[in-house]
């Protein structure tokens, strides 16, 4: 989560967790994450990211957590 400022990481995780409906079809699941990422990025003025970036950061953090 290096692109998310350290002070916002817990908030980001909570925001994205709320949108993470793993029972949705894959396309709908990722679209929900992108939308949530877009909302978070705009709210916190993270101009170097977009919703797709945020969704990928979240998914990568979930994969890292599962491996550990």
C-alpha atoms as a PDB file:
ATOM      1  CA  UNK A   1       0.000   0.000   0.000  1.00  0.00           C
ATOM      2  CA  UNK A   2       2.946   2.284  -0.603  1.00  0.00           C
ATOM      3  CA  UNK A   3       0.904   4.700  -2.758  1.00  0.00           C
ATOM      4  CA  UNK A   4      -1.616   5.269   0.034  1.00  0.00           C
ATOM      5  CA  UNK A   5      -0.307   7.726   2.641  1.00  0.00           C
ATOM      6  CA  UNK A   6       0.469   5.955   5.904  1.00  0.00           C
ATOM      7  CA  UNK A   7      -2.010   8.143   7.835  1.00  0.00           C
ATOM      8  CA  UNK A   8      -4.858   6.970   5.552  1.00  0.00           C
ATOM      9  CA  UNK A   9      -4.112   3.250   5.274  1.00  0.00           C
ATOM     10  CA  UNK A  10      -6.492   2.051   7.983  1.00  0.00           C
ATOM     11  CA  UNK A  11      -9.243   4.271   6.621  1.00  0.00           C
ATOM     12  CA  UNK A  12      -8.551   3.012   3.092  1.00  0.00           C
ATOM     13  CA  UNK A  13      -8.690  -0.616   4.202  1.00  0.00           C
ATOM     14  CA  UNK A  14     -11.979  -0.073   6.030  1.00  0.00           C
ATOM     15  CA  UNK A  15     -13.484   1.785   3.097  1.00  0.00           C
ATOM     16  CA  UNK A  16     -12.482  -0.916   0.633  1.00  0.00           C
ATOM     17  CA  UNK A  17     -13.479  -3.762   2.984  1.00  0.00           C
ATOM     18  CA  UNK A  18     -16.989  -2.305   3.078  1.00  0.00           C
ATOM     19  CA  UNK A  19     -17.187  -2.560  -0.737  1.00  0.00           C
ATOM     20  CA  UNK A  20     -15.658  -6.033  -0.903  1.00  0.00           C
ATOM     21  CA  UNK A  21     -18.565  -8.342  -1.726  1.00  0.00           C
ATOM     22  CA  UNK A  22     -16.759 -11.524  -2.697  1.00  0.00           C
ATOM     23  CA  UNK A  23     -20.070 -13.229  -3.522  1.00  0.00           C
ATOM     24  CA  UNK A  24     -20.558 -10.930  -6.541  1.00  0.00           C
ATOM     25  CA  UNK A  25     -19.561 -12.070 -10.028  1.00  0.00           C
ATOM     26  CA  UNK A  26     -15.938 -11.123 -10.765  1.00  0.00           C
ATOM     27  CA  UNK A  27     -16.724  -8.159 -13.007  1.00  0.00           C
ATOM     28  CA  UNK A  28     -19.248  -6.696 -10.584  1.00  0.00           C
ATOM     29  CA  UNK A  29     -16.914  -7.323  -7.645  1.00  0.00           C
ATOM     30  CA  UNK A  30     -14.062  -5.419  -9.262  1.00  0.00           C
ATOM     31  CA  UNK A  31     -16.379  -2.625 -10.439  1.00  0.00           C
ATOM     32  CA  UNK A  32     -17.543  -2.141  -6.844  1.00  0.00           C
ATOM     33  CA  UNK A  33     -13.927  -1.949  -5.690  1.00  0.00           C
ATOM     34  CA  UNK A  34     -13.087   0.547  -8.440  1.00  0.00           C
ATOM     35  CA  UNK A  35     -16.039   2.722  -7.471  1.00  0.00           C
ATOM     36  CA  UNK A  36     -15.076   2.594  -3.794  1.00  0.00           C
ATOM     37  CA  UNK A  37     -11.480   3.390  -4.720  1.00  0.00           C
ATOM     38  CA  UNK A  38     -12.589   6.333  -6.834  1.00  0.00           C
ATOM     39  CA  UNK A  39     -14.695   7.678  -3.962  1.00  0.00           C
ATOM     40  CA  UNK A  40     -11.809   7.359  -1.498  1.00  0.00           C
ATOM     41  CA  UNK A  41      -9.282   8.942  -3.877  1.00  0.00           C
ATOM     42  CA  UNK A  42     -11.546  11.945  -4.520  1.00  0.00           C
ATOM     43  CA  UNK A  43     -12.451  12.388  -0.860  1.00  0.00           C
ATOM     44  CA  UNK A  44      -8.799  12.489   0.192  1.00  0.00           C
ATOM     45  CA  UNK A  45      -7.500  14.325  -2.911  1.00  0.00           C
ATOM     46  CA  UNK A  46      -5.045  11.597  -3.858  1.00  0.00           C
ATOM     47  CA  UNK A  47      -4.558  13.054  -7.333  1.00  0.00           C
ATOM     48  CA  UNK A  48      -1.819  10.555  -8.293  1.00  0.00           C
ATOM     49  CA  UNK A  49      -4.276   7.638  -8.103  1.00  0.00           C
ATOM     50  CA  UNK A  50      -7.537   6.697  -9.778  1.00  0.00           C
ATOM     51  CA  UNK A  51     -10.203   4.178  -8.803  1.00  0.00           C
ATOM     52  CA  UNK A  52      -8.574   1.393 -10.777  1.00  0.00           C
ATOM     53  CA  UNK A  53      -5.210   1.994  -9.086  1.00  0.00           C
ATOM     54  CA  UNK A  54      -6.860   1.953  -5.676  1.00  0.00           C
ATOM     55  CA  UNK A  55      -8.703  -1.288  -6.441  1.00  0.00           C
ATOM     56  CA  UNK A  56      -5.461  -2.949  -7.549  1.00  0.00           C
ATOM     57  CA  UNK A  57      -3.647  -1.714  -4.432  1.00  0.00           C
ATOM     58  CA  UNK A  58      -6.406  -3.185  -2.276  1.00  0.00           C
ATOM     59  CA  UNK A  59      -6.451  -6.541  -4.092  1.00  0.00           C
ATOM     60  CA  UNK A  60      -2.650  -6.775  -3.869  1.00  0.00           C
ATOM     61  CA  UNK A  61      -2.784  -6.062  -0.133  1.00  0.00           C
ATOM     62  CA  UNK A  62      -5.359  -8.844   0.298  1.00  0.00           C
ATOM     63  CA  UNK A  63      -3.115 -11.296  -1.598  1.00  0.00           C
ATOM     64  CA  UNK A  64      -0.119 -10.345   0.542  1.00  0.00           C
ATOM     65  CA  UNK A  65      -2.168 -10.863   3.709  1.00  0.00           C
ATOM     66  CA  UNK A  66      -3.277 -14.323   2.542  1.00  0.00           C
ATOM     67  CA  UNK A  67       0.299 -15.376   1.818  1.00  0.00           C
ATOM     68  CA  UNK A  68       1.570 -14.277   5.217  1.00  0.00           C
END
